[in-house]
Amino acid sequence: MELLQFSKARYCAIRERLLAEDPELDARTLADTLEGLTDLHEVVAAIVRAAVIDEALSEGLRGRIAELEERLNGFEARAAKRRSIARDVMIDAAIKKITAPDFTISLRMGAPSLVVTDESAIPPPYWVQRAPRLDRQSVTADLKRGIAIPGAMLSNSEPVLSVRTK
């Protein structure tokens, strides 16, 4: 940045001096003379060249990040599918616990989830006013406390696979 400031100051000083000595100097001659006497054009060109390179690198990274996010989603989906398969097999075979050298797998009952049967029947206190949408957390919390809410209920608990690493 110091080089840029110095080059700019030098350019402006020479420009003012040339115009002071010859006020009738045409714009093209002035520009050509200044370009030949200073390095400001090269400094600005180098800055823009670096910006273009930075933009290309950021675009390349953006594409790479998208590819990596796609891979991440694939790994997460594959892990969820494998856990689901293990859970289903343990349920079907009535196995409650498996102990391996590096982890323990067990089945436990998960928490019941919210099932909305009729959204229009749910009373207004359960709606968020900013953007009319259902406050699912409030509905679920009140249902778990035993409060009956028209249009909503809790599902049956589903078994959940629990893995504890050693």
N, C-alpha and C. Protein backbone atom coordinates (compact mmCIF):
# COMPACT_ATOMS: atom_id res chain seq x y z
N MET A 1 0.81 -1.19 0.00
CA MET A 1 0.00 0.00 0.00
C MET A 1 0.87 1.27 0.00
N GLU A 2 2.04 1.16 0.63
CA GLU A 2 2.93 2.33 0.63
C GLU A 2 3.38 2.65 -0.79
N LEU A 3 3.67 1.61 -1.56
CA LEU A 3 4.08 1.84 -2.95
C LEU A 3 2.97 2.51 -3.73
N LEU A 4 1.74 2.07 -3.50
CA LEU A 4 0.60 2.66 -4.19
C LEU A 4 0.46 4.14 -3.81
N GLN A 5 0.53 4.44 -2.54
CA GLN A 5 0.40 5.83 -2.09
C GLN A 5 1.53 6.69 -2.66
N PHE A 6 2.75 6.18 -2.63
CA PHE A 6 3.89 6.91 -3.18
C PHE A 6 3.71 7.15 -4.67
N SER A 7 3.33 6.12 -5.41
CA SER A 7 3.15 6.24 -6.87
C SER A 7 2.04 7.21 -7.20
N LYS A 8 0.98 7.18 -6.43
CA LYS A 8 -0.14 8.10 -6.66
C LYS A 8 0.29 9.54 -6.39
N ALA A 9 0.99 9.76 -5.29
CA ALA A 9 1.44 11.12 -4.95
C ALA A 9 2.40 11.64 -6.02
N ARG A 10 3.31 10.80 -6.48
CA ARG A 10 4.27 11.19 -7.52
C ARG A 10 3.54 11.53 -8.82
N TYR A 11 2.56 10.69 -9.19
CA TYR A 11 1.77 10.90 -10.41
C TYR A 11 1.06 12.25 -10.33
N CYS A 12 0.39 12.52 -9.20
CA CYS A 12 -0.36 13.76 -9.05
C CYS A 12 0.57 14.98 -9.07
N ALA A 13 1.74 14.86 -8.44
CA ALA A 13 2.68 15.98 -8.41
C ALA A 13 3.20 16.29 -9.82
N ILE A 14 3.55 15.27 -10.56
CA ILE A 14 4.06 15.47 -11.92
C ILE A 14 2.95 16.04 -12.81
N ARG A 15 1.75 15.54 -12.65
CA ARG A 15 0.61 16.02 -13.43
C ARG A 15 0.38 17.51 -13.19
N GLU A 16 0.38 17.90 -11.92
CA GLU A 16 0.18 19.31 -11.58
C GLU A 16 1.29 20.19 -12.15
N ARG A 17 2.53 19.70 -12.08
CA ARG A 17 3.65 20.48 -12.59
C ARG A 17 3.57 20.64 -14.11
N LEU A 18 3.22 19.53 -14.82
CA LEU A 18 3.08 19.61 -16.28
C LEU A 18 1.98 20.58 -16.67
N LEU A 19 0.84 20.52 -15.96
CA LEU A 19 -0.26 21.44 -16.28
C LEU A 19 0.08 22.88 -15.92
N ALA A 20 0.87 23.08 -14.87
CA ALA A 20 1.27 24.43 -14.50
C ALA A 20 2.21 25.03 -15.55
N GLU A 21 3.10 24.21 -16.11
CA GLU A 21 4.04 24.69 -17.13
C GLU A 21 3.37 24.87 -18.47
N ASP A 22 2.35 24.02 -18.79
CA ASP A 22 1.68 24.13 -20.09
C ASP A 22 0.17 23.87 -19.89
N PRO A 23 -0.58 24.93 -19.53
CA PRO A 23 -2.02 24.76 -19.29
C PRO A 23 -2.80 24.32 -20.54
N GLU A 24 -2.23 24.50 -21.72
CA GLU A 24 -2.90 24.14 -22.96
C GLU A 24 -2.62 22.69 -23.38
N LEU A 25 -1.92 21.94 -22.56
CA LEU A 25 -1.54 20.56 -22.87
C LEU A 25 -2.80 19.71 -23.05
N ASP A 26 -2.90 18.99 -24.20
CA ASP A 26 -4.10 18.18 -24.44
C ASP A 26 -4.08 16.92 -23.57
N ALA A 27 -5.26 16.35 -23.32
CA ALA A 27 -5.44 15.23 -22.39
C ALA A 27 -4.63 14.00 -22.82
N ARG A 28 -4.59 13.71 -24.10
CA ARG A 28 -3.88 12.53 -24.59
C ARG A 28 -2.37 12.65 -24.36
N THR A 29 -1.82 13.78 -24.66
CA THR A 29 -0.39 14.01 -24.45
C THR A 29 -0.06 13.94 -22.97
N LEU A 30 -0.91 14.56 -22.15
CA LEU A 30 -0.70 14.53 -20.70
C LEU A 30 -0.71 13.09 -20.18
N ALA A 31 -1.69 12.30 -20.62
CA ALA A 31 -1.80 10.90 -20.17
C ALA A 31 -0.58 10.09 -20.61
N ASP A 32 -0.16 10.26 -21.86
CA ASP A 32 1.01 9.52 -22.36
C ASP A 32 2.28 9.92 -21.61
N THR A 33 2.43 11.20 -21.33
CA THR A 33 3.61 11.69 -20.63
C THR A 33 3.64 11.14 -19.20
N LEU A 34 2.50 11.21 -18.52
CA LEU A 34 2.44 10.71 -17.15
C LEU A 34 2.69 9.20 -17.08
N GLU A 35 2.16 8.47 -18.04
CA GLU A 35 2.37 7.02 -18.06
C GLU A 35 3.84 6.69 -18.24
N GLY A 36 4.54 7.49 -19.04
CA GLY A 36 5.96 7.26 -19.28
C GLY A 36 6.83 7.67 -18.10
N LEU A 37 6.40 8.66 -17.34
CA LEU A 37 7.21 9.19 -16.25
C LEU A 37 6.95 8.53 -14.90
N THR A 38 5.85 7.82 -14.76
CA THR A 38 5.49 7.22 -13.46
C THR A 38 5.19 5.74 -13.62
N ASP A 39 5.13 5.06 -12.49
CA ASP A 39 4.79 3.64 -12.51
C ASP A 39 3.39 3.36 -11.92
N LEU A 40 2.58 4.39 -11.78
CA LEU A 40 1.25 4.22 -11.19
C LEU A 40 0.39 3.24 -11.98
N HIS A 41 0.48 3.30 -13.31
CA HIS A 41 -0.32 2.38 -14.13
C HIS A 41 0.05 0.92 -13.84
N GLU A 42 1.36 0.66 -13.71
CA GLU A 42 1.81 -0.70 -13.43
C GLU A 42 1.38 -1.16 -12.03
N VAL A 43 1.45 -0.24 -11.07
CA VAL A 43 1.05 -0.58 -9.70
C VAL A 43 -0.44 -0.91 -9.65
N VAL A 44 -1.26 -0.07 -10.28
CA VAL A 44 -2.71 -0.33 -10.31
C VAL A 44 -3.01 -1.62 -11.07
N ALA A 45 -2.30 -1.85 -12.18
CA ALA A 45 -2.50 -3.08 -12.94
C ALA A 45 -2.15 -4.30 -12.10
N ALA A 46 -1.08 -4.21 -11.31
CA ALA A 46 -0.68 -5.33 -10.44
C ALA A 46 -1.75 -5.60 -9.38
N ILE A 47 -2.32 -4.53 -8.84
CA ILE A 47 -3.39 -4.70 -7.83
C ILE A 47 -4.60 -5.37 -8.45
N VAL A 48 -5.00 -4.92 -9.63
CA VAL A 48 -6.16 -5.53 -10.30
C VAL A 48 -5.86 -6.97 -10.71
N ARG A 49 -4.62 -7.22 -11.16
CA ARG A 49 -4.23 -8.59 -11.52
C ARG A 49 -4.37 -9.51 -10.30
N ALA A 50 -3.92 -9.04 -9.14
CA ALA A 50 -4.04 -9.82 -7.90
C ALA A 50 -5.50 -10.04 -7.54
N ALA A 51 -6.34 -9.01 -7.76
CA ALA A 51 -7.78 -9.15 -7.48
C ALA A 51 -8.40 -10.20 -8.40
N VAL A 52 -8.02 -10.19 -9.67
CA VAL A 52 -8.55 -11.18 -10.62
C VAL A 52 -8.14 -12.59 -10.20
N ILE A 53 -6.90 -12.74 -9.75
CA ILE A 53 -6.43 -14.05 -9.28
C ILE A 53 -7.21 -14.48 -8.04
N ASP A 54 -7.40 -13.53 -7.09
CA ASP A 54 -8.17 -13.84 -5.89
C ASP A 54 -9.60 -14.27 -6.24
N GLU A 55 -10.22 -13.59 -7.20
CA GLU A 55 -11.57 -13.95 -7.62
C GLU A 55 -11.61 -15.35 -8.23
N ALA A 56 -10.60 -15.67 -9.05
CA ALA A 56 -10.54 -17.00 -9.65
C ALA A 56 -10.36 -18.07 -8.58
N LEU A 57 -9.48 -17.79 -7.60
CA LEU A 57 -9.28 -18.74 -6.51
C LEU A 57 -10.55 -18.93 -5.69
N SER A 58 -11.24 -17.82 -5.41
CA SER A 58 -12.47 -17.94 -4.62
C SER A 58 -13.54 -18.71 -5.38
N GLU A 59 -13.60 -18.51 -6.69
CA GLU A 59 -14.57 -19.25 -7.49
C GLU A 59 -14.24 -20.75 -7.50
N GLY A 60 -12.95 -21.06 -7.62
CA GLY A 60 -12.51 -22.45 -7.56
C GLY A 60 -12.83 -23.07 -6.21
N LEU A 61 -12.57 -22.33 -5.14
CA LEU A 61 -12.88 -22.83 -3.79
C LEU A 61 -14.38 -23.02 -3.61
N ARG A 62 -15.17 -22.09 -4.16
CA ARG A 62 -16.62 -22.22 -4.05
C ARG A 62 -17.08 -23.54 -4.69
N GLY A 63 -16.52 -23.85 -5.85
CA GLY A 63 -16.86 -25.12 -6.51
C GLY A 63 -16.39 -26.31 -5.71
N ARG A 64 -15.20 -26.22 -5.15
CA ARG A 64 -14.65 -27.32 -4.34
C ARG A 64 -15.46 -27.52 -3.08
N ILE A 65 -15.86 -26.42 -2.45
CA ILE A 65 -16.70 -26.51 -1.25
C ILE A 65 -18.02 -27.19 -1.58
N ALA A 66 -18.61 -26.85 -2.73
CA ALA A 66 -19.86 -27.49 -3.14
C ALA A 66 -19.66 -29.00 -3.32
N GLU A 67 -18.53 -29.39 -3.93
CA GLU A 67 -18.24 -30.82 -4.09
C GLU A 67 -18.07 -31.50 -2.74
N LEU A 68 -17.35 -30.84 -1.83
CA LEU A 68 -17.12 -31.42 -0.51
C LEU A 68 -18.41 -31.50 0.30
N GLU A 69 -19.28 -30.50 0.17
CA GLU A 69 -20.58 -30.55 0.85
C GLU A 69 -21.41 -31.71 0.32
N GLU A 70 -21.32 -31.95 -0.98
CA GLU A 70 -22.03 -33.08 -1.59
C GLU A 70 -21.50 -34.39 -1.02
N ARG A 71 -20.18 -34.50 -0.90
CA ARG A 71 -19.58 -35.70 -0.30
C ARG A 71 -20.00 -35.86 1.14
N LEU A 72 -20.01 -34.75 1.88
CA LEU A 72 -20.42 -34.76 3.29
C LEU A 72 -21.86 -35.27 3.41
N ASN A 73 -22.74 -34.75 2.57
CA ASN A 73 -24.13 -35.20 2.60
C ASN A 73 -24.23 -36.69 2.29
N GLY A 74 -23.40 -37.15 1.36
CA GLY A 74 -23.39 -38.58 1.04
C GLY A 74 -22.94 -39.43 2.23
N PHE A 75 -21.88 -39.00 2.90
CA PHE A 75 -21.40 -39.72 4.08
C PHE A 75 -22.47 -39.74 5.18
N GLU A 76 -23.10 -38.58 5.41
CA GLU A 76 -24.12 -38.51 6.45
C GLU A 76 -25.32 -39.41 6.12
N ALA A 77 -25.74 -39.41 4.86
CA ALA A 77 -26.86 -40.26 4.45
C ALA A 77 -26.50 -41.73 4.59
N ARG A 78 -25.27 -42.07 4.19
CA ARG A 78 -24.82 -43.47 4.29
C ARG A 78 -24.74 -43.91 5.74
N ALA A 79 -24.25 -43.04 6.62
CA ALA A 79 -24.17 -43.38 8.05
C ALA A 79 -25.56 -43.57 8.63
N ALA A 80 -26.48 -42.69 8.28
CA ALA A 80 -27.85 -42.80 8.78
C ALA A 80 -28.51 -44.10 8.29
N LYS A 81 -28.27 -44.46 7.04
CA LYS A 81 -28.84 -45.69 6.48
C LYS A 81 -28.25 -46.91 7.19
N ARG A 82 -26.94 -46.90 7.43
CA ARG A 82 -26.30 -48.03 8.11
C ARG A 82 -26.81 -48.17 9.54
N ARG A 83 -26.97 -47.05 10.25
CA ARG A 83 -27.52 -47.11 11.60
C ARG A 83 -28.96 -47.64 11.59
N SER A 84 -29.71 -47.20 10.60
CA SER A 84 -31.10 -47.67 10.47
C SER A 84 -31.15 -49.17 10.22
N ILE A 85 -30.26 -49.66 9.37
CA ILE A 85 -30.21 -51.10 9.09
C ILE A 85 -29.86 -51.86 10.36
N ALA A 86 -28.84 -51.37 11.10
CA ALA A 86 -28.43 -52.04 12.34
C ALA A 86 -29.59 -52.04 13.35
N ARG A 87 -30.27 -50.91 13.49
CA ARG A 87 -31.40 -50.82 14.41
C ARG A 87 -32.50 -51.80 14.02
N ASP A 88 -32.85 -51.82 12.74
CA ASP A 88 -33.92 -52.71 12.28
C ASP A 88 -33.57 -54.19 12.50
N VAL A 89 -32.31 -54.56 12.24
CA VAL A 89 -31.88 -55.95 12.44
C VAL A 89 -31.96 -56.30 13.92
N MET A 90 -31.52 -55.39 14.79
CA MET A 90 -31.56 -55.66 16.23
C MET A 90 -33.00 -55.78 16.72
N ILE A 91 -33.90 -54.96 16.18
CA ILE A 91 -35.32 -55.05 16.55
C ILE A 91 -35.88 -56.39 16.09
N ASP A 92 -35.65 -56.74 14.82
CA ASP A 92 -36.18 -57.99 14.26
C ASP A 92 -35.65 -59.22 15.00
N ALA A 93 -34.38 -59.16 15.42
CA ALA A 93 -33.77 -60.31 16.08
C ALA A 93 -33.94 -60.25 17.60
N ALA A 94 -34.61 -59.22 18.09
CA ALA A 94 -34.85 -59.03 19.53
C ALA A 94 -33.53 -58.97 20.32
N ILE A 95 -32.55 -58.29 19.75
CA ILE A 95 -31.26 -58.09 20.43
C ILE A 95 -31.30 -56.71 21.08
N LYS A 96 -31.07 -56.66 22.37
CA LYS A 96 -31.12 -55.38 23.10
C LYS A 96 -29.77 -54.70 23.18
N LYS A 97 -28.67 -55.51 23.19
CA LYS A 97 -27.36 -54.92 23.41
C LYS A 97 -26.29 -55.76 22.72
N ILE A 98 -25.31 -55.08 22.13
CA ILE A 98 -24.15 -55.74 21.53
C ILE A 98 -22.92 -55.01 22.05
N THR A 99 -21.99 -55.78 22.61
CA THR A 99 -20.75 -55.19 23.12
C THR A 99 -19.62 -55.59 22.19
N ALA A 100 -18.95 -54.58 21.66
CA ALA A 100 -17.79 -54.79 20.79
C ALA A 100 -16.58 -54.22 21.52
N PRO A 101 -15.36 -54.54 21.06
CA PRO A 101 -14.17 -54.03 21.75
C PRO A 101 -14.10 -52.49 21.80
N ASP A 102 -14.61 -51.82 20.77
CA ASP A 102 -14.48 -50.38 20.70
C ASP A 102 -15.76 -49.59 20.97
N PHE A 103 -16.91 -50.27 21.08
CA PHE A 103 -18.15 -49.57 21.40
C PHE A 103 -19.21 -50.55 21.87
N THR A 104 -20.28 -50.00 22.41
CA THR A 104 -21.43 -50.78 22.84
C THR A 104 -22.65 -50.24 22.11
N ILE A 105 -23.46 -51.16 21.56
CA ILE A 105 -24.67 -50.77 20.85
C ILE A 105 -25.85 -51.23 21.68
N SER A 106 -26.81 -50.36 21.86
CA SER A 106 -28.00 -50.78 22.59
C SER A 106 -29.22 -50.11 21.98
N LEU A 107 -30.36 -50.74 22.19
CA LEU A 107 -31.63 -50.16 21.75
C LEU A 107 -32.32 -49.56 22.96
N ARG A 108 -32.85 -48.38 22.78
CA ARG A 108 -33.65 -47.76 23.82
C ARG A 108 -34.83 -47.10 23.14
N MET A 109 -35.86 -46.84 23.91
CA MET A 109 -37.03 -46.20 23.34
C MET A 109 -36.76 -44.71 23.20
N GLY A 110 -37.03 -44.18 22.05
CA GLY A 110 -36.85 -42.75 21.81
C GLY A 110 -38.05 -41.97 22.32
N ALA A 111 -37.94 -40.67 22.28
CA ALA A 111 -39.03 -39.79 22.71
C ALA A 111 -40.10 -39.74 21.62
N PRO A 112 -41.36 -39.66 22.02
CA PRO A 112 -42.41 -39.54 21.00
C PRO A 112 -42.29 -38.20 20.27
N SER A 113 -42.60 -38.21 19.00
CA SER A 113 -42.52 -36.98 18.22
C SER A 113 -43.91 -36.43 17.95
N LEU A 114 -43.97 -35.18 17.55
CA LEU A 114 -45.23 -34.51 17.29
C LEU A 114 -45.84 -34.99 15.98
N VAL A 115 -47.13 -35.27 16.00
CA VAL A 115 -47.87 -35.60 14.79
C VAL A 115 -49.03 -34.62 14.71
N VAL A 116 -49.03 -33.77 13.69
CA VAL A 116 -50.11 -32.81 13.51
C VAL A 116 -51.15 -33.46 12.62
N THR A 117 -52.34 -33.67 13.17
CA THR A 117 -53.41 -34.31 12.42
C THR A 117 -54.31 -33.30 11.72
N ASP A 118 -54.46 -32.10 12.33
CA ASP A 118 -55.29 -31.06 11.73
C ASP A 118 -54.74 -29.71 12.18
N GLU A 119 -53.93 -29.10 11.35
CA GLU A 119 -53.28 -27.84 11.70
C GLU A 119 -54.28 -26.74 12.02
N SER A 120 -55.40 -26.72 11.31
CA SER A 120 -56.39 -25.66 11.51
C SER A 120 -57.10 -25.77 12.86
N ALA A 121 -57.05 -26.93 13.50
CA ALA A 121 -57.72 -27.10 14.79
C ALA A 121 -56.83 -26.69 15.96
N ILE A 122 -55.57 -26.44 15.71
CA ILE A 122 -54.64 -26.09 16.80
C ILE A 122 -54.90 -24.64 17.21
N PRO A 123 -55.09 -24.39 18.51
CA PRO A 123 -55.43 -23.05 19.01
C PRO A 123 -54.34 -22.01 18.72
N PRO A 124 -54.73 -20.72 18.65
CA PRO A 124 -53.81 -19.63 18.34
C PRO A 124 -52.58 -19.49 19.23
N PRO A 125 -52.63 -19.81 20.53
CA PRO A 125 -51.41 -19.62 21.33
C PRO A 125 -50.22 -20.43 20.82
N TYR A 126 -50.46 -21.45 20.02
CA TYR A 126 -49.38 -22.29 19.53
C TYR A 126 -48.84 -21.83 18.18
N TRP A 127 -49.23 -20.65 17.74
CA TRP A 127 -48.76 -20.13 16.46
C TRP A 127 -47.82 -18.96 16.70
N VAL A 128 -46.73 -18.90 15.96
CA VAL A 128 -45.79 -17.79 16.03
C VAL A 128 -46.40 -16.66 15.20
N GLN A 129 -46.47 -15.47 15.78
CA GLN A 129 -47.18 -14.37 15.13
C GLN A 129 -46.38 -13.69 14.02
N ARG A 130 -45.05 -13.66 14.12
CA ARG A 130 -44.24 -12.99 13.10
C ARG A 130 -44.57 -13.52 11.71
N ALA A 131 -44.46 -14.79 11.56
CA ALA A 131 -44.78 -15.46 10.29
C ALA A 131 -45.69 -16.60 10.69
N PRO A 132 -46.94 -16.51 10.37
CA PRO A 132 -47.86 -17.54 10.88
C PRO A 132 -47.36 -18.96 10.60
N ARG A 133 -46.78 -19.52 11.63
CA ARG A 133 -46.33 -20.91 11.54
C ARG A 133 -46.49 -21.54 12.92
N LEU A 134 -46.60 -22.81 12.92
CA LEU A 134 -46.83 -23.56 14.15
C LEU A 134 -45.58 -23.59 15.01
N ASP A 135 -45.73 -23.30 16.29
CA ASP A 135 -44.62 -23.40 17.25
C ASP A 135 -44.60 -24.85 17.73
N ARG A 136 -43.92 -25.68 17.00
CA ARG A 136 -43.92 -27.12 17.24
C ARG A 136 -43.35 -27.46 18.62
N GLN A 137 -42.39 -26.70 19.10
CA GLN A 137 -41.80 -26.98 20.41
C GLN A 137 -42.81 -26.79 21.53
N SER A 138 -43.60 -25.71 21.45
CA SER A 138 -44.61 -25.47 22.48
C SER A 138 -45.69 -26.55 22.46
N VAL A 139 -46.12 -26.92 21.26
CA VAL A 139 -47.14 -27.97 21.13
C VAL A 139 -46.61 -29.27 21.72
N THR A 140 -45.39 -29.64 21.34
CA THR A 140 -44.81 -30.89 21.83
C THR A 140 -44.65 -30.86 23.35
N ALA A 141 -44.16 -29.75 23.88
CA ALA A 141 -43.95 -29.64 25.33
C ALA A 141 -45.28 -29.78 26.09
N ASP A 142 -46.33 -29.11 25.62
CA ASP A 142 -47.62 -29.20 26.31
C ASP A 142 -48.24 -30.59 26.18
N LEU A 143 -48.08 -31.22 25.02
CA LEU A 143 -48.60 -32.59 24.87
C LEU A 143 -47.88 -33.53 25.82
N LYS A 144 -46.57 -33.35 25.99
CA LYS A 144 -45.82 -34.21 26.91
C LYS A 144 -46.24 -33.98 28.35
N ARG A 145 -46.73 -32.76 28.67
CA ARG A 145 -47.22 -32.47 30.02
C ARG A 145 -48.64 -32.98 30.22
N GLY A 146 -49.24 -33.53 29.17
CA GLY A 146 -50.57 -34.10 29.29
C GLY A 146 -51.70 -33.17 28.88
N ILE A 147 -51.38 -32.02 28.33
CA ILE A 147 -52.41 -31.07 27.89
C ILE A 147 -52.93 -31.54 26.53
N ALA A 148 -54.24 -31.68 26.40
CA ALA A 148 -54.84 -32.09 25.14
C ALA A 148 -54.91 -30.88 24.21
N ILE A 149 -54.41 -31.04 22.98
CA ILE A 149 -54.44 -29.97 21.99
C ILE A 149 -55.14 -30.51 20.76
N PRO A 150 -56.28 -29.89 20.39
CA PRO A 150 -56.99 -30.35 19.19
C PRO A 150 -56.09 -30.27 17.97
N GLY A 151 -56.09 -31.28 17.15
CA GLY A 151 -55.32 -31.31 15.91
C GLY A 151 -53.89 -31.78 16.06
N ALA A 152 -53.50 -32.17 17.28
CA ALA A 152 -52.12 -32.63 17.47
C ALA A 152 -52.09 -33.75 18.49
N MET A 153 -51.08 -34.61 18.34
CA MET A 153 -50.89 -35.70 19.29
C MET A 153 -49.43 -36.13 19.22
N LEU A 154 -49.01 -36.95 20.16
CA LEU A 154 -47.66 -37.49 20.14
C LEU A 154 -47.69 -38.86 19.46
N SER A 155 -46.64 -39.15 18.73
CA SER A 155 -46.53 -40.45 18.08
C SER A 155 -46.12 -41.49 19.11
N ASN A 156 -46.17 -42.74 18.71
CA ASN A 156 -45.64 -43.81 19.56
C ASN A 156 -44.11 -43.71 19.53
N SER A 157 -43.51 -44.09 20.62
CA SER A 157 -42.05 -44.05 20.68
C SER A 157 -41.47 -45.07 19.72
N GLU A 158 -40.40 -44.69 19.06
CA GLU A 158 -39.69 -45.58 18.15
C GLU A 158 -38.37 -45.96 18.81
N PRO A 159 -37.90 -47.19 18.60
CA PRO A 159 -36.58 -47.55 19.14
C PRO A 159 -35.48 -46.72 18.50
N VAL A 160 -34.50 -46.36 19.30
CA VAL A 160 -33.38 -45.56 18.82
C VAL A 160 -32.10 -46.34 19.07
N LEU A 161 -31.21 -46.33 18.09
CA LEU A 161 -29.94 -47.02 18.23
C LEU A 161 -28.98 -46.10 18.99
N SER A 162 -28.43 -46.57 20.06
CA SER A 162 -27.49 -45.81 20.87
C SER A 162 -26.12 -46.45 20.77
N VAL A 163 -25.12 -45.68 20.39
CA VAL A 163 -23.75 -46.20 20.28
C VAL A 163 -22.87 -45.41 21.23
N ARG A 164 -22.23 -46.11 22.16
CA ARG A 164 -21.33 -45.48 23.11
C ARG A 164 -19.92 -45.99 22.82
N THR A 165 -19.04 -45.06 22.51
CA THR A 165 -17.66 -45.45 22.21
C THR A 165 -16.84 -45.51 23.48
N LYS A 166 -15.80 -46.33 23.43
CA LYS A 166 -14.95 -46.52 24.59
C LYS A 166 -13.67 -45.74 24.46
